[in-house]
Amino acid sequence: QVQLVESGGGLVQPGGSLRLSCVASGFTFSSYAMRWYRQAPGKERELVAHISSNGSTNYADSRKSRFTISRDNAKNTVYLQMNSLNAEDTAVYYCYARAYNYPWNEYWGQGTQVTVSS
């Protein structure tokens, strides 16, 4: 059974930091690209960050300097370190996995809420 289980969300003050984790099971984690998406109320889901199986990363431009995506293939886990958070970062954050090979399976986690508020 494939699972992506996110954790680490919560309430944080503006300027604070959070580290999200996503633990994968049921597939060969090291063979999948991993991403973090987020969806704010009333808005479309948007890409936050991407990491390939070899560790190369890409970010949405506005978050490049504040967010860091990483992975630990030995632990089947992908992380998102978020610094200098502001109210616009409030959203549900989702973990996503995408296979490199046919049939290009893709999986979503259930999401974790991040709320930035004083």
PDB file of N, CA and C in Angstrom:
ATOM      1  N   GLN A   1       0.839  -1.184   0.000  1.00  0.00           N
ATOM      2  CA  GLN A   1       0.000   0.000   0.000  1.00  0.00           C
ATOM      3  C   GLN A   1       0.885   1.249   0.000  1.00  0.00           C
ATOM      4  N   VAL A   2       0.673   2.114  -0.982  1.00  0.00           N
ATOM      5  CA  VAL A   2       1.458   3.337  -1.087  1.00  0.00           C
ATOM      6  C   VAL A   2       0.952   4.367  -0.080  1.00  0.00           C
ATOM      7  N   GLN A   3       1.894   4.967   0.621  1.00  0.00           N
ATOM      8  CA  GLN A   3       1.548   6.046   1.538  1.00  0.00           C
ATOM      9  C   GLN A   3       2.593   7.145   1.493  1.00  0.00           C
ATOM     10  N   LEU A   4       2.120   8.366   1.566  1.00  0.00           N
ATOM     11  CA  LEU A   4       2.961   9.538   1.805  1.00  0.00           C
ATOM     12  C   LEU A   4       2.341  10.237   3.007  1.00  0.00           C
ATOM     13  N   VAL A   5       3.107  10.299   4.087  1.00  0.00           N
ATOM     14  CA  VAL A   5       2.572  10.845   5.323  1.00  0.00           C
ATOM     15  C   VAL A   5       3.373  12.074   5.713  1.00  0.00           C
ATOM     16  N   GLU A   6       2.714  13.226   5.634  1.00  0.00           N
ATOM     17  CA  GLU A   6       3.364  14.484   5.994  1.00  0.00           C
ATOM     18  C   GLU A   6       3.210  14.763   7.482  1.00  0.00           C
ATOM     19  N   SER A   7       4.157  15.510   8.014  1.00  0.00           N
ATOM     20  CA  SER A   7       4.087  15.970   9.394  1.00  0.00           C
ATOM     21  C   SER A   7       4.929  17.229   9.528  1.00  0.00           C
ATOM     22  N   GLY A   8       4.788  17.896  10.680  1.00  0.00           N
ATOM     23  CA  GLY A   8       5.605  19.068  10.954  1.00  0.00           C
ATOM     24  C   GLY A   8       4.887  20.390  10.777  1.00  0.00           C
ATOM     25  N   GLY A   9       3.661  20.359  10.272  1.00  0.00           N
ATOM     26  CA  GLY A   9       2.915  21.598  10.139  1.00  0.00           C
ATOM     27  C   GLY A   9       2.442  22.100  11.495  1.00  0.00           C
ATOM     28  N   GLY A  10       1.863  23.297  11.475  1.00  0.00           N
ATOM     29  CA  GLY A  10       1.352  23.865  12.714  1.00  0.00           C
ATOM     30  C   GLY A  10       1.240  25.365  12.630  1.00  0.00           C
ATOM     31  N   LEU A  11       1.093  25.979  13.782  1.00  0.00           N
ATOM     32  CA  LEU A  11       0.981  27.438  13.885  1.00  0.00           C
ATOM     33  C   LEU A  11       2.349  28.016  14.222  1.00  0.00           C
ATOM     34  N   VAL A  12       2.764  29.014  13.468  1.00  0.00           N
ATOM     35  CA  VAL A  12       4.061  29.656  13.692  1.00  0.00           C
ATOM     36  C   VAL A  12       3.895  31.161  13.519  1.00  0.00           C
ATOM     37  N   GLN A  13       4.670  31.919  14.261  1.00  0.00           N
ATOM     38  CA  GLN A  13       4.610  33.374  14.158  1.00  0.00           C
ATOM     39  C   GLN A  13       5.350  33.856  12.907  1.00  0.00           C
ATOM     40  N   PRO A  14       4.971  35.011  12.399  1.00  0.00           N
ATOM     41  CA  PRO A  14       5.715  35.581  11.263  1.00  0.00           C
ATOM     42  C   PRO A  14       7.198  35.691  11.576  1.00  0.00           C
ATOM     43  N   GLY A  15       8.004  35.318  10.604  1.00  0.00           N
ATOM     44  CA  GLY A  15       9.445  35.308  10.795  1.00  0.00           C
ATOM     45  C   GLY A  15       9.987  33.993  11.323  1.00  0.00           C
ATOM     46  N   GLY A  16       9.101  33.100  11.703  1.00  0.00           N
ATOM     47  CA  GLY A  16       9.518  31.819  12.264  1.00  0.00           C
ATOM     48  C   GLY A  16       9.857  30.785  11.207  1.00  0.00           C
ATOM     49  N   SER A  17      10.188  29.591  11.688  1.00  0.00           N
ATOM     50  CA  SER A  17      10.607  28.499  10.817  1.00  0.00           C
ATOM     51  C   SER A  17       9.835  27.228  11.145  1.00  0.00           C
ATOM     52  N   LEU A  18       9.704  26.381  10.153  1.00  0.00           N
ATOM     53  CA  LEU A  18       9.137  25.050  10.321  1.00  0.00           C
ATOM     54  C   LEU A  18       9.878  24.099   9.395  1.00  0.00           C
ATOM     55  N   ARG A  19       9.934  22.828   9.809  1.00  0.00           N
ATOM     56  CA  ARG A  19      10.451  21.794   8.924  1.00  0.00           C
ATOM     57  C   ARG A  19       9.382  20.737   8.737  1.00  0.00           C
ATOM     58  N   LEU A  20       8.967  20.580   7.496  1.00  0.00           N
ATOM     59  CA  LEU A  20       7.997  19.552   7.158  1.00  0.00           C
ATOM     60  C   LEU A  20       8.722  18.274   6.767  1.00  0.00           C
ATOM     61  N   SER A  21       8.105  17.154   7.092  1.00  0.00           N
ATOM     62  CA  SER A  21       8.638  15.851   6.706  1.00  0.00           C
ATOM     63  C   SER A  21       7.561  15.076   5.969  1.00  0.00           C
ATOM     64  N   CYS A  22       7.998  14.216   5.087  1.00  0.00           N
ATOM     65  CA  CYS A  22       7.079  13.334   4.360  1.00  0.00           C
ATOM     66  C   CYS A  22       7.736  11.965   4.280  1.00  0.00           C
ATOM     67  N   VAL A  23       7.125  11.000   4.933  1.00  0.00           N
ATOM     68  CA  VAL A  23       7.644   9.635   4.940  1.00  0.00           C
ATOM     69  C   VAL A  23       6.879   8.815   3.915  1.00  0.00           C
ATOM     70  N   ALA A  24       7.629   8.172   3.035  1.00  0.00           N
ATOM     71  CA  ALA A  24       7.036   7.382   1.954  1.00  0.00           C
ATOM     72  C   ALA A  24       7.140   5.892   2.244  1.00  0.00           C
ATOM     73  N   SER A  25       6.159   5.164   1.763  1.00  0.00           N
ATOM     74  CA  SER A  25       6.198   3.706   1.880  1.00  0.00           C
ATOM     75  C   SER A  25       5.383   3.105   0.736  1.00  0.00           C
ATOM     76  N   GLY A  26       5.714   1.849   0.405  1.00  0.00           N
ATOM     77  CA  GLY A  26       4.953   1.137  -0.615  1.00  0.00           C
ATOM     78  C   GLY A  26       5.476   1.296  -2.028  1.00  0.00           C
ATOM     79  N   PHE A  27       6.569   2.018  -2.212  1.00  0.00           N
ATOM     80  CA  PHE A  27       7.191   2.144  -3.521  1.00  0.00           C
ATOM     81  C   PHE A  27       8.680   2.407  -3.324  1.00  0.00           C
ATOM     82  N   THR A  28       9.434   2.341  -4.426  1.00  0.00           N
ATOM     83  CA  THR A  28      10.889   2.516  -4.363  1.00  0.00           C
ATOM     84  C   THR A  28      11.213   4.007  -4.341  1.00  0.00           C
ATOM     85  N   PHE A  29      11.319   4.529  -3.145  1.00  0.00           N
ATOM     86  CA  PHE A  29      11.461   5.970  -2.937  1.00  0.00           C
ATOM     87  C   PHE A  29      12.614   6.570  -3.747  1.00  0.00           C
ATOM     88  N   SER A  30      13.728   5.886  -3.775  1.00  0.00           N
ATOM     89  CA  SER A  30      14.927   6.433  -4.421  1.00  0.00           C
ATOM     90  C   SER A  30      14.761   6.568  -5.938  1.00  0.00           C
ATOM     91  N   SER A  31      13.737   5.956  -6.494  1.00  0.00           N
ATOM     92  CA  SER A  31      13.492   6.015  -7.941  1.00  0.00           C
ATOM     93  C   SER A  31      12.453   7.054  -8.322  1.00  0.00           C
ATOM     94  N   TYR A  32      12.068   7.873  -7.369  1.00  0.00           N
ATOM     95  CA  TYR A  32      11.027   8.853  -7.597  1.00  0.00           C
ATOM     96  C   TYR A  32      11.545  10.268  -7.359  1.00  0.00           C
ATOM     97  N   ALA A  33      11.109  11.176  -8.227  1.00  0.00           N
ATOM     98  CA  ALA A  33      11.258  12.590  -7.935  1.00  0.00           C
ATOM     99  C   ALA A  33      10.219  12.958  -6.876  1.00  0.00           C
ATOM    100  N   MET A  34      10.589  13.891  -6.018  1.00  0.00           N
ATOM    101  CA  MET A  34       9.691  14.302  -4.942  1.00  0.00           C
ATOM    102  C   MET A  34       9.461  15.813  -5.010  1.00  0.00           C
ATOM    103  N   ARG A  35       8.281  16.201  -4.654  1.00  0.00           N
ATOM    104  CA  ARG A  35       7.929  17.618  -4.667  1.00  0.00           C
ATOM    105  C   ARG A  35       7.100  17.980  -3.451  1.00  0.00           C
ATOM    106  N   TRP A  36       7.131  19.253  -3.129  1.00  0.00           N
ATOM    107  CA  TRP A  36       6.190  19.843  -2.188  1.00  0.00           C
ATOM    108  C   TRP A  36       5.338  20.843  -2.962  1.00  0.00           C
ATOM    109  N   TYR A  37       4.044  20.737  -2.759  1.00  0.00           N
ATOM    110  CA  TYR A  37       3.074  21.686  -3.278  1.00  0.00           C
ATOM    111  C   TYR A  37       2.377  22.321  -2.079  1.00  0.00           C
ATOM    112  N   ARG A  38       1.677  23.404  -2.356  1.00  0.00           N
ATOM    113  CA  ARG A  38       0.846  23.988  -1.319  1.00  0.00           C
ATOM    114  C   ARG A  38      -0.421  24.566  -1.932  1.00  0.00           C
ATOM    115  N   GLN A  39      -1.442  24.663  -1.110  1.00  0.00           N
ATOM    116  CA  GLN A  39      -2.713  25.235  -1.554  1.00  0.00           C
ATOM    117  C   GLN A  39      -3.280  26.097  -0.450  1.00  0.00           C
ATOM    118  N   ALA A  40      -3.376  27.385  -0.745  1.00  0.00           N
ATOM    119  CA  ALA A  40      -3.961  28.338   0.185  1.00  0.00           C
ATOM    120  C   ALA A  40      -5.466  28.401  -0.043  1.00  0.00           C
ATOM    121  N   PRO A  41      -6.208  28.833   0.952  1.00  0.00           N
ATOM    122  CA  PRO A  41      -7.676  28.920   0.798  1.00  0.00           C
ATOM    123  C   PRO A  41      -8.069  29.758  -0.415  1.00  0.00           C
ATOM    124  N   GLY A  42      -8.929  29.207  -1.257  1.00  0.00           N
ATOM    125  CA  GLY A  42      -9.417  29.935  -2.414  1.00  0.00           C
ATOM    126  C   GLY A  42      -8.448  30.032  -3.568  1.00  0.00           C
ATOM    127  N   LYS A  43      -7.307  29.348  -3.445  1.00  0.00           N
ATOM    128  CA  LYS A  43      -6.305  29.418  -4.505  1.00  0.00           C
ATOM    129  C   LYS A  43      -6.006  28.035  -5.062  1.00  0.00           C
ATOM    130  N   GLU A  44      -5.374  28.011  -6.234  1.00  0.00           N
ATOM    131  CA  GLU A  44      -4.992  26.749  -6.834  1.00  0.00           C
ATOM    132  C   GLU A  44      -3.751  26.190  -6.140  1.00  0.00           C
ATOM    133  N   ARG A  45      -3.619  24.882  -6.247  1.00  0.00           N
ATOM    134  CA  ARG A  45      -2.418  24.250  -5.717  1.00  0.00           C
ATOM    135  C   ARG A  45      -1.211  24.689  -6.554  1.00  0.00           C
ATOM    136  N   GLU A  46      -0.099  24.985  -5.874  1.00  0.00           N
ATOM    137  CA  GLU A  46       1.083  25.470  -6.587  1.00  0.00           C
ATOM    138  C   GLU A  46       2.332  24.718  -6.129  1.00  0.00           C
ATOM    139  N   LEU A  47       3.269  24.603  -7.029  1.00  0.00           N
ATOM    140  CA  LEU A  47       4.531  23.935  -6.738  1.00  0.00           C
ATOM    141  C   LEU A  47       5.385  24.822  -5.835  1.00  0.00           C
ATOM    142  N   VAL A  48       5.969  24.202  -4.830  1.00  0.00           N
ATOM    143  CA  VAL A  48       6.880  24.904  -3.925  1.00  0.00           C
ATOM    144  C   VAL A  48       8.319  24.541  -4.257  1.00  0.00           C
ATOM    145  N   ALA A  49       8.598  23.242  -4.323  1.00  0.00           N
ATOM    146  CA  ALA A  49       9.971  22.800  -4.531  1.00  0.00           C
ATOM    147  C   ALA A  49       9.988  21.379  -5.076  1.00  0.00           C
ATOM    148  N   HIS A  50      11.071  21.073  -5.773  1.00  0.00           N
ATOM    149  CA  HIS A  50      11.253  19.773  -6.430  1.00  0.00           C
ATOM    150  C   HIS A  50      12.653  19.259  -6.112  1.00  0.00           C
ATOM    151  N   ILE A  51      12.750  17.940  -5.899  1.00  0.00           N
ATOM    152  CA  ILE A  51      14.061  17.337  -5.741  1.00  0.00           C
ATOM    153  C   ILE A  51      14.083  16.029  -6.531  1.00  0.00           C
ATOM    154  N   SER A  52      15.134  15.847  -7.302  1.00  0.00           N
ATOM    155  CA  SER A  52      15.259  14.637  -8.101  1.00  0.00           C
ATOM    156  C   SER A  52      15.843  13.515  -7.258  1.00  0.00           C
ATOM    157  N   SER A  53      15.924  12.339  -7.862  1.00  0.00           N
ATOM    158  CA  SER A  53      16.428  11.196  -7.115  1.00  0.00           C
ATOM    159  C   SER A  53      17.898  11.356  -6.750  1.00  0.00           C
ATOM    160  N   ASN A  54      18.631  12.154  -7.516  1.00  0.00           N
ATOM    161  CA  ASN A  54      20.054  12.354  -7.226  1.00  0.00           C
ATOM    162  C   ASN A  54      20.309  13.594  -6.370  1.00  0.00           C
ATOM    163  N   GLY A  55      19.230  14.271  -5.980  1.00  0.00           N
ATOM    164  CA  GLY A  55      19.369  15.383  -5.041  1.00  0.00           C
ATOM    165  C   GLY A  55      19.371  16.769  -5.653  1.00  0.00           C
ATOM    166  N   SER A  56      19.288  16.867  -6.971  1.00  0.00           N
ATOM    167  CA  SER A  56      19.229  18.199  -7.564  1.00  0.00           C
ATOM    168  C   SER A  56      17.874  18.829  -7.280  1.00  0.00           C
ATOM    169  N   THR A  57      17.871  20.143  -7.091  1.00  0.00           N
ATOM    170  CA  THR A  57      16.671  20.827  -6.600  1.00  0.00           C
ATOM    171  C   THR A  57      16.250  21.977  -7.502  1.00  0.00           C
ATOM    172  N   ASN A  58      14.965  22.281  -7.431  1.00  0.00           N
ATOM    173  CA  ASN A  58      14.403  23.451  -8.094  1.00  0.00           C
ATOM    174  C   ASN A  58      13.319  24.035  -7.202  1.00  0.00           C
ATOM    175  N   TYR A  59      13.162  25.343  -7.275  1.00  0.00           N
ATOM    176  CA  TYR A  59      12.197  26.030  -6.429  1.00  0.00           C
ATOM    177  C   TYR A  59      11.376  27.028  -7.241  1.00  0.00           C
ATOM    178  N   ALA A  60      10.158  27.246  -6.760  1.00  0.00           N
ATOM    179  CA  ALA A  60       9.414  28.389  -7.266  1.00  0.00           C
ATOM    180  C   ALA A  60      10.223  29.630  -6.914  1.00  0.00           C
ATOM    181  N   ASP A  61      10.345  30.572  -7.838  1.00  0.00           N
ATOM    182  CA  ASP A  61      11.278  31.688  -7.680  1.00  0.00           C
ATOM    183  C   ASP A  61      11.117  32.439  -6.371  1.00  0.00           C
ATOM    184  N   SER A  62       9.892  32.680  -5.989  1.00  0.00           N
ATOM    185  CA  SER A  62       9.651  33.503  -4.805  1.00  0.00           C
ATOM    186  C   SER A  62      10.075  32.820  -3.511  1.00  0.00           C
ATOM    187  N   ARG A  63      10.319  31.499  -3.589  1.00  0.00           N
ATOM    188  CA  ARG A  63      10.644  30.790  -2.344  1.00  0.00           C
ATOM    189  C   ARG A  63      12.076  30.273  -2.339  1.00  0.00           C
ATOM    190  N   LYS A  64      12.824  30.612  -3.364  1.00  0.00           N
ATOM    191  CA  LYS A  64      14.154  30.042  -3.531  1.00  0.00           C
ATOM    192  C   LYS A  64      15.072  30.350  -2.357  1.00  0.00           C
ATOM    193  N   SER A  65      14.972  31.534  -1.803  1.00  0.00           N
ATOM    194  CA  SER A  65      15.922  31.917  -0.760  1.00  0.00           C
ATOM    195  C   SER A  65      15.461  31.537   0.634  1.00  0.00           C
ATOM    196  N   ARG A  66      14.200  31.166   0.808  1.00  0.00           N
ATOM    197  CA  ARG A  66      13.688  30.901   2.153  1.00  0.00           C
ATOM    198  C   ARG A  66      13.425  29.425   2.425  1.00  0.00           C
ATOM    199  N   PHE A  67      13.230  28.648   1.373  1.00  0.00           N
ATOM    200  CA  PHE A  67      12.862  27.241   1.548  1.00  0.00           C
ATOM    201  C   PHE A  67      13.991  26.337   1.048  1.00  0.00           C
ATOM    202  N   THR A  68      14.140  25.196   1.697  1.00  0.00           N
ATOM    203  CA  THR A  68      15.116  24.207   1.276  1.00  0.00           C
ATOM    204  C   THR A  68      14.476  22.827   1.282  1.00  0.00           C
ATOM    205  N   ILE A  69      14.516  22.166   0.140  1.00  0.00           N
ATOM    206  CA  ILE A  69      14.019  20.800   0.047  1.00  0.00           C
ATOM    207  C   ILE A  69      15.210  19.860   0.107  1.00  0.00           C
ATOM    208  N   SER A  70      15.031  18.736   0.783  1.00  0.00           N
ATOM    209  CA  SER A  70      16.089  17.736   0.868  1.00  0.00           C
ATOM    210  C   SER A  70      15.440  16.366   0.995  1.00  0.00           C
ATOM    211  N   ARG A  71      16.251  15.334   0.824  1.00  0.00           N
ATOM    212  CA  ARG A  71      15.720  13.984   0.950  1.00  0.00           C
ATOM    213  C   ARG A  71      16.752  13.074   1.582  1.00  0.00           C
ATOM    214  N   ASP A  72      16.262  12.052   2.240  1.00  0.00           N
ATOM    215  CA  ASP A  72      17.102  11.013   2.812  1.00  0.00           C
ATOM    216  C   ASP A  72      16.566   9.697   2.279  1.00  0.00           C
ATOM    217  N   ASN A  73      17.229   9.175   1.277  1.00  0.00           N
ATOM    218  CA  ASN A  73      16.726   7.943   0.642  1.00  0.00           C
ATOM    219  C   ASN A  73      16.785   6.744   1.585  1.00  0.00           C
ATOM    220  N   ALA A  74      17.695   6.772   2.538  1.00  0.00           N
ATOM    221  CA  ALA A  74      17.781   5.672   3.502  1.00  0.00           C
ATOM    222  C   ALA A  74      16.574   5.647   4.437  1.00  0.00           C
ATOM    223  N   LYS A  75      15.969   6.820   4.628  1.00  0.00           N
ATOM    224  CA  LYS A  75      14.808   6.917   5.519  1.00  0.00           C
ATOM    225  C   LYS A  75      13.502   7.084   4.752  1.00  0.00           C
ATOM    226  N   ASN A  76      13.579   7.050   3.422  1.00  0.00           N
ATOM    227  CA  ASN A  76      12.383   7.239   2.591  1.00  0.00           C
ATOM    228  C   ASN A  76      11.640   8.516   2.963  1.00  0.00           C
ATOM    229  N   THR A  77      12.400   9.570   3.161  1.00  0.00           N
ATOM    230  CA  THR A  77      11.818  10.809   3.672  1.00  0.00           C
ATOM    231  C   THR A  77      12.293  12.006   2.862  1.00  0.00           C
ATOM    232  N   VAL A  78      11.365  12.909   2.609  1.00  0.00           N
ATOM    233  CA  VAL A  78      11.688  14.195   2.005  1.00  0.00           C
ATOM    234  C   VAL A  78      11.302  15.281   2.998  1.00  0.00           C
ATOM    235  N   TYR A  79      12.098  16.341   3.007  1.00  0.00           N
ATOM    236  CA  TYR A  79      11.915  17.427   3.970  1.00  0.00           C
ATOM    237  C   TYR A  79      11.713  18.754   3.246  1.00  0.00           C
ATOM    238  N   LEU A  80      11.076  19.666   3.943  1.00  0.00           N
ATOM    239  CA  LEU A  80      11.001  21.038   3.468  1.00  0.00           C
ATOM    240  C   LEU A  80      11.285  21.949   4.660  1.00  0.00           C
ATOM    241  N   GLN A  81      12.435  22.570   4.639  1.00  0.00           N
ATOM    242  CA  GLN A  81      12.787  23.550   5.664  1.00  0.00           C
ATOM    243  C   GLN A  81      12.297  24.911   5.200  1.00  0.00           C
ATOM    244  N   MET A  82      11.491  25.556   6.019  1.00  0.00           N
ATOM    245  CA  MET A  82      10.909  26.842   5.663  1.00  0.00           C
ATOM    246  C   MET A  82      11.317  27.885   6.694  1.00  0.00           C
ATOM    247  N   ASN A  83      11.957  28.947   6.238  1.00  0.00           N
ATOM    248  CA  ASN A  83      12.425  30.011   7.108  1.00  0.00           C
ATOM    249  C   ASN A  83      11.756  31.335   6.754  1.00  0.00           C
ATOM    250  N   SER A  84      11.821  32.272   7.676  1.00  0.00           N
ATOM    251  CA  SER A  84      11.265  33.615   7.461  1.00  0.00           C
ATOM    252  C   SER A  84       9.840  33.551   6.936  1.00  0.00           C
ATOM    253  N   LEU A  85       9.042  32.767   7.604  1.00  0.00           N
ATOM    254  CA  LEU A  85       7.671  32.562   7.153  1.00  0.00           C
ATOM    255  C   LEU A  85       6.834  33.827   7.328  1.00  0.00           C
ATOM    256  N   ASN A  86       5.911  34.013   6.405  1.00  0.00           N
ATOM    257  CA  ASN A  86       4.981  35.133   6.500  1.00  0.00           C
ATOM    258  C   ASN A  86       3.559  34.628   6.242  1.00  0.00           C
ATOM    259  N   ALA A  87       2.604  35.524   6.394  1.00  0.00           N
ATOM    260  CA  ALA A  87       1.195  35.120   6.314  1.00  0.00           C
ATOM    261  C   ALA A  87       0.852  34.508   4.957  1.00  0.00           C
ATOM    262  N   GLU A  88       1.542  34.935   3.927  1.00  0.00           N
ATOM    263  CA  GLU A  88       1.271  34.401   2.585  1.00  0.00           C
ATOM    264  C   GLU A  88       1.706  32.951   2.433  1.00  0.00           C
ATOM    265  N   ASP A  89       2.468  32.453   3.375  1.00  0.00           N
ATOM    266  CA  ASP A  89       2.871  31.043   3.348  1.00  0.00           C
ATOM    267  C   ASP A  89       1.824  30.135   3.984  1.00  0.00           C
ATOM    268  N   THR A  90       0.786  30.712   4.550  1.00  0.00           N
ATOM    269  CA  THR A  90      -0.286  29.908   5.141  1.00  0.00           C
ATOM    270  C   THR A  90      -0.980  29.086   4.063  1.00  0.00           C
ATOM    271  N   ALA A  91      -1.006  27.775   4.267  1.00  0.00           N
ATOM    272  CA  ALA A  91      -1.566  26.872   3.258  1.00  0.00           C
ATOM    273  C   ALA A  91      -1.505  25.449   3.789  1.00  0.00           C
ATOM    274  N   VAL A  92      -2.161  24.561   3.057  1.00  0.00           N
ATOM    275  CA  VAL A  92      -1.947  23.138   3.268  1.00  0.00           C
ATOM    276  C   VAL A  92      -0.806  22.715   2.350  1.00  0.00           C
ATOM    277  N   TYR A  93       0.180  22.052   2.916  1.00  0.00           N
ATOM    278  CA  TYR A  93       1.351  21.627   2.164  1.00  0.00           C
ATOM    279  C   TYR A  93       1.249  20.129   1.886  1.00  0.00           C
ATOM    280  N   TYR A  94       1.460  19.791   0.615  1.00  0.00           N
ATOM    281  CA  TYR A  94       1.312  18.414   0.166  1.00  0.00           C
ATOM    282  C   TYR A  94       2.632  17.860  -0.359  1.00  0.00           C
ATOM    283  N   CYS A  95       2.871  16.630  -0.043  1.00  0.00           N
ATOM    284  CA  CYS A  95       3.993  15.872  -0.577  1.00  0.00           C
ATOM    285  C   CYS A  95       3.526  15.130  -1.827  1.00  0.00           C
ATOM    286  N   TYR A  96       4.400  15.046  -2.820  1.00  0.00           N
ATOM    287  CA  TYR A  96       4.049  14.431  -4.106  1.00  0.00           C
ATOM    288  C   TYR A  96       5.238  13.616  -4.592  1.00  0.00           C
ATOM    289  N   ALA A  97       4.938  12.454  -5.149  1.00  0.00           N
ATOM    290  CA  ALA A  97       5.976  11.581  -5.704  1.00  0.00           C
ATOM    291  C   ALA A  97       5.641  11.254  -7.150  1.00  0.00           C
ATOM    292  N   ARG A  98       6.670  11.242  -7.983  1.00  0.00           N
ATOM    293  CA  ARG A  98       6.477  10.959  -9.403  1.00  0.00           C
ATOM    294  C   ARG A  98       7.572  10.023  -9.884  1.00  0.00           C
ATOM    295  N   ALA A  99       7.162   8.937 -10.496  1.00  0.00           N
ATOM    296  CA  ALA A  99       8.131   7.962 -11.008  1.00  0.00           C
ATOM    297  C   ALA A  99       8.836   8.498 -12.243  1.00  0.00           C
ATOM    298  N   TYR A 100      10.060   8.021 -12.468  1.00  0.00           N
ATOM    299  CA  TYR A 100      10.824   8.411 -13.659  1.00  0.00           C
ATOM    300  C   TYR A 100      10.479   7.562 -14.871  1.00  0.00           C
ATOM    301  N   ASN A 101       9.913   6.401 -14.608  1.00  0.00           N
ATOM    302  CA  ASN A 101       9.703   5.460 -15.699  1.00  0.00           C
ATOM    303  C   ASN A 101       8.237   5.106 -15.849  1.00  0.00           C
ATOM    304  N   TYR A 102       7.918   4.587 -17.036  1.00  0.00           N
ATOM    305  CA  TYR A 102       6.552   4.144 -17.294  1.00  0.00           C
ATOM    306  C   TYR A 102       6.138   3.148 -16.235  1.00  0.00           C
ATOM    307  N   PRO A 103       4.909   3.200 -15.739  1.00  0.00           N
ATOM    308  CA  PRO A 103       3.792   4.059 -16.136  1.00  0.00           C
ATOM    309  C   PRO A 103       3.723   5.397 -15.417  1.00  0.00           C
ATOM    310  N   TRP A 104       4.864   5.901 -14.982  1.00  0.00           N
ATOM    311  CA  TRP A 104       4.930   7.229 -14.399  1.00  0.00           C
ATOM    312  C   TRP A 104       3.921   7.415 -13.265  1.00  0.00           C
ATOM    313  N   ASN A 105       3.931   6.453 -12.359  1.00  0.00           N
ATOM    314  CA  ASN A 105       3.043   6.552 -11.199  1.00  0.00           C
ATOM    315  C   ASN A 105       3.274   7.854 -10.450  1.00  0.00           C
ATOM    316  N   GLU A 106       2.214   8.383  -9.899  1.00  0.00           N
ATOM    317  CA  GLU A 106       2.317   9.571  -9.069  1.00  0.00           C
ATOM    318  C   GLU A 106       1.397   9.425  -7.864  1.00  0.00           C
ATOM    319  N   TYR A 107       1.882   9.945  -6.746  1.00  0.00           N
ATOM    320  CA  TYR A 107       1.178   9.796  -5.481  1.00  0.00           C
ATOM    321  C   TYR A 107       1.167  11.120  -4.737  1.00  0.00           C
ATOM    322  N   TRP A 108       0.110  11.304  -3.958  1.00  0.00           N
ATOM    323  CA  TRP A 108      -0.044  12.505  -3.126  1.00  0.00           C
ATOM    324  C   TRP A 108      -0.208  12.111  -1.667  1.00  0.00           C
ATOM    325  N   GLY A 109       0.323  12.953  -0.796  1.00  0.00           N
ATOM    326  CA  GLY A 109       0.038  12.818   0.620  1.00  0.00           C
ATOM    327  C   GLY A 109      -1.268  13.513   0.961  1.00  0.00           C
ATOM    328  N   GLN A 110      -1.638  13.413   2.230  1.00  0.00           N
ATOM    329  CA  GLN A 110      -2.918  13.964   2.656  1.00  0.00           C
ATOM    330  C   GLN A 110      -2.824  15.451   3.010  1.00  0.00           C
ATOM    331  N   GLY A 111      -1.612  15.946   3.143  1.00  0.00           N
ATOM    332  CA  GLY A 111      -1.407  17.354   3.434  1.00  0.00           C
ATOM    333  C   GLY A 111      -1.218  17.649   4.910  1.00  0.00           C
ATOM    334  N   THR A 112      -0.491  18.717   5.179  1.00  0.00           N
ATOM    335  CA  THR A 112      -0.299  19.200   6.545  1.00  0.00           C
ATOM    336  C   THR A 112      -0.496  20.719   6.540  1.00  0.00           C
ATOM    337  N   GLN A 113      -1.245  21.186   7.524  1.00  0.00           N
ATOM    338  CA  GLN A 113      -1.598  22.612   7.572  1.00  0.00           C
ATOM    339  C   GLN A 113      -0.454  23.420   8.173  1.00  0.00           C
ATOM    340  N   VAL A 114      -0.106  24.497   7.490  1.00  0.00           N
ATOM    341  CA  VAL A 114       0.838  25.478   8.015  1.00  0.00           C
ATOM    342  C   VAL A 114       0.101  26.812   8.128  1.00  0.00           C
ATOM    343  N   THR A 115       0.091  27.362   9.319  1.00  0.00           N
ATOM    344  CA  THR A 115      -0.567  28.641   9.555  1.00  0.00           C
ATOM    345  C   THR A 115       0.445  29.613  10.150  1.00  0.00           C
ATOM    346  N   VAL A 116       0.622  30.742   9.478  1.00  0.00           N
ATOM    347  CA  VAL A 116       1.557  31.766   9.946  1.00  0.00           C
ATOM    348  C   VAL A 116       0.731  32.948  10.449  1.00  0.00           C
ATOM    349  N   SER A 117       0.787  33.153  11.742  1.00  0.00           N
ATOM    350  CA  SER A 117      -0.042  34.193  12.352  1.00  0.00           C
ATOM    351  C   SER A 117       0.529  34.594  13.700  1.00  0.00           C
ATOM    352  N   SER A 118       0.347  35.858  14.045  1.00  0.00           N
ATOM    353  CA  SER A 118       0.765  36.326  15.363  1.00  0.00           C
ATOM    354  C   SER A 118      -0.384  36.224  16.368  1.00  0.00           C
TER     355      SER A 118
END
